[in-house]
Amino acid sequence: MKKYVCKVCGYEYDPAAGDPDNGIAPGTAFEDIAEDWVCPLCGVGKEDFEPVD
């Protein structure tokens, strides 16, 4: 599973860790997160994230 980074603030979503504070369990692929999820640091939507190489 790929990591994704927020283009606005640099927050990195790591699927291995998930985002438990916002209801995303560890092991959840970025593609499987609900479309209304937002960056926990700056509040932008999934469209402002890009995959990390």
N, C-alpha and C. Protein backbone atom coordinates (compact mmCIF):
# COMPACT_ATOMS: atom_id res chain seq x y z
N MET A 1 0.85 -1.19 0.00
CA MET A 1 0.00 0.00 0.00
C MET A 1 0.88 1.25 0.00
N LYS A 2 0.50 2.19 -0.83
CA LYS A 2 1.28 3.42 -0.95
C LYS A 2 0.94 4.42 0.14
N LYS A 3 1.94 5.21 0.49
CA LYS A 3 1.73 6.35 1.37
C LYS A 3 1.31 7.53 0.50
N TYR A 4 0.57 8.44 1.09
CA TYR A 4 0.13 9.65 0.39
C TYR A 4 0.49 10.85 1.23
N VAL A 5 0.85 11.96 0.57
CA VAL A 5 1.23 13.17 1.28
C VAL A 5 0.31 14.32 0.87
N CYS A 6 -0.03 15.14 1.86
CA CYS A 6 -0.87 16.31 1.62
C CYS A 6 -0.02 17.38 0.93
N LYS A 7 -0.50 17.85 -0.22
CA LYS A 7 0.23 18.86 -0.99
C LYS A 7 0.20 20.23 -0.31
N VAL A 8 -0.72 20.43 0.64
CA VAL A 8 -0.85 21.72 1.30
C VAL A 8 0.08 21.83 2.52
N CYS A 9 0.04 20.82 3.41
CA CYS A 9 0.80 20.94 4.67
C CYS A 9 1.90 19.90 4.85
N GLY A 10 1.94 18.87 3.99
CA GLY A 10 2.98 17.87 4.10
C GLY A 10 2.65 16.68 4.97
N TYR A 11 1.43 16.62 5.54
CA TYR A 11 1.03 15.45 6.34
C TYR A 11 1.13 14.20 5.47
N GLU A 12 1.71 13.14 6.02
CA GLU A 12 1.84 11.89 5.28
C GLU A 12 0.87 10.86 5.85
N TYR A 13 -0.02 10.35 4.99
CA TYR A 13 -0.91 9.27 5.39
C TYR A 13 -0.20 7.96 5.14
N ASP A 14 0.03 7.20 6.21
CA ASP A 14 0.68 5.90 6.13
C ASP A 14 -0.39 4.83 6.38
N PRO A 15 -0.70 4.02 5.37
CA PRO A 15 -1.74 3.00 5.54
C PRO A 15 -1.47 2.04 6.69
N ALA A 16 -0.20 1.78 6.99
CA ALA A 16 0.13 0.87 8.09
C ALA A 16 -0.32 1.44 9.43
N ALA A 17 -0.31 2.76 9.56
CA ALA A 17 -0.72 3.41 10.81
C ALA A 17 -2.19 3.82 10.79
N GLY A 18 -2.72 4.12 9.59
CA GLY A 18 -4.08 4.62 9.49
C GLY A 18 -4.19 6.01 10.10
N ASP A 19 -5.40 6.37 10.50
CA ASP A 19 -5.66 7.65 11.18
C ASP A 19 -6.68 7.36 12.28
N PRO A 20 -6.25 6.60 13.32
CA PRO A 20 -7.21 6.13 14.33
C PRO A 20 -7.96 7.26 15.04
N ASP A 21 -7.34 8.43 15.17
CA ASP A 21 -8.02 9.54 15.83
C ASP A 21 -9.25 9.99 15.05
N ASN A 22 -9.28 9.67 13.76
CA ASN A 22 -10.41 10.06 12.91
C ASN A 22 -11.15 8.86 12.33
N GLY A 23 -11.02 7.70 12.99
CA GLY A 23 -11.81 6.53 12.64
C GLY A 23 -11.28 5.69 11.49
N ILE A 24 -10.01 5.91 11.10
CA ILE A 24 -9.42 5.12 10.02
C ILE A 24 -8.48 4.09 10.65
N ALA A 25 -8.85 2.83 10.55
CA ALA A 25 -8.09 1.76 11.20
C ALA A 25 -6.75 1.53 10.51
N PRO A 26 -5.72 1.13 11.28
CA PRO A 26 -4.46 0.74 10.65
C PRO A 26 -4.70 -0.34 9.61
N GLY A 27 -3.96 -0.27 8.50
CA GLY A 27 -4.13 -1.24 7.42
C GLY A 27 -5.12 -0.79 6.36
N THR A 28 -5.66 0.42 6.49
CA THR A 28 -6.64 0.94 5.52
C THR A 28 -5.92 1.66 4.39
N ALA A 29 -6.10 1.17 3.16
CA ALA A 29 -5.50 1.82 1.99
C ALA A 29 -6.12 3.20 1.80
N PHE A 30 -5.33 4.13 1.28
CA PHE A 30 -5.83 5.49 1.04
C PHE A 30 -7.07 5.46 0.17
N GLU A 31 -7.06 4.60 -0.84
CA GLU A 31 -8.19 4.50 -1.77
C GLU A 31 -9.48 4.06 -1.07
N ASP A 32 -9.34 3.39 0.08
CA ASP A 32 -10.51 2.87 0.80
C ASP A 32 -11.07 3.83 1.84
N ILE A 33 -10.41 4.98 2.02
CA ILE A 33 -10.90 5.98 2.97
C ILE A 33 -12.10 6.69 2.34
N ALA A 34 -13.10 7.01 3.16
CA ALA A 34 -14.29 7.71 2.67
C ALA A 34 -13.89 9.02 1.98
N GLU A 35 -14.66 9.38 0.95
CA GLU A 35 -14.36 10.59 0.17
C GLU A 35 -14.47 11.87 0.99
N ASP A 36 -15.20 11.84 2.10
CA ASP A 36 -15.36 13.05 2.91
C ASP A 36 -14.29 13.19 4.00
N TRP A 37 -13.32 12.27 4.03
CA TRP A 37 -12.21 12.37 4.97
C TRP A 37 -11.37 13.60 4.62
N VAL A 38 -10.85 14.26 5.64
CA VAL A 38 -10.00 15.43 5.41
C VAL A 38 -8.67 15.27 6.14
N CYS A 39 -7.68 15.99 5.69
CA CYS A 39 -6.36 15.98 6.32
C CYS A 39 -6.50 16.37 7.79
N PRO A 40 -5.97 15.55 8.70
CA PRO A 40 -6.12 15.86 10.12
C PRO A 40 -5.33 17.10 10.57
N LEU A 41 -4.40 17.57 9.76
CA LEU A 41 -3.63 18.75 10.14
C LEU A 41 -4.20 20.05 9.57
N CYS A 42 -4.56 20.04 8.28
CA CYS A 42 -4.98 21.30 7.67
C CYS A 42 -6.41 21.31 7.13
N GLY A 43 -7.06 20.14 7.08
CA GLY A 43 -8.48 20.10 6.73
C GLY A 43 -8.83 20.04 5.25
N VAL A 44 -7.83 19.89 4.35
CA VAL A 44 -8.16 19.78 2.94
C VAL A 44 -8.62 18.36 2.63
N GLY A 45 -9.28 18.19 1.50
CA GLY A 45 -9.83 16.89 1.12
C GLY A 45 -8.81 15.96 0.46
N LYS A 46 -9.27 14.74 0.18
CA LYS A 46 -8.41 13.72 -0.42
C LYS A 46 -7.83 14.15 -1.76
N GLU A 47 -8.53 15.05 -2.47
CA GLU A 47 -8.05 15.48 -3.77
C GLU A 47 -6.74 16.27 -3.69
N ASP A 48 -6.38 16.71 -2.50
CA ASP A 48 -5.14 17.47 -2.31
C ASP A 48 -4.00 16.60 -1.80
N PHE A 49 -4.14 15.28 -1.94
CA PHE A 49 -3.08 14.34 -1.58
C PHE A 49 -2.51 13.73 -2.86
N GLU A 50 -1.22 13.38 -2.79
CA GLU A 50 -0.59 12.70 -3.91
C GLU A 50 0.25 11.53 -3.39
N PRO A 51 0.40 10.48 -4.21
CA PRO A 51 1.18 9.32 -3.75
C PRO A 51 2.65 9.67 -3.57
N VAL A 52 3.27 9.01 -2.59
CA VAL A 52 4.69 9.18 -2.32
C VAL A 52 5.42 8.06 -3.06
N ASP A 53 6.44 8.39 -3.81
CA ASP A 53 7.22 7.39 -4.54
C ASP A 53 8.20 6.68 -3.65
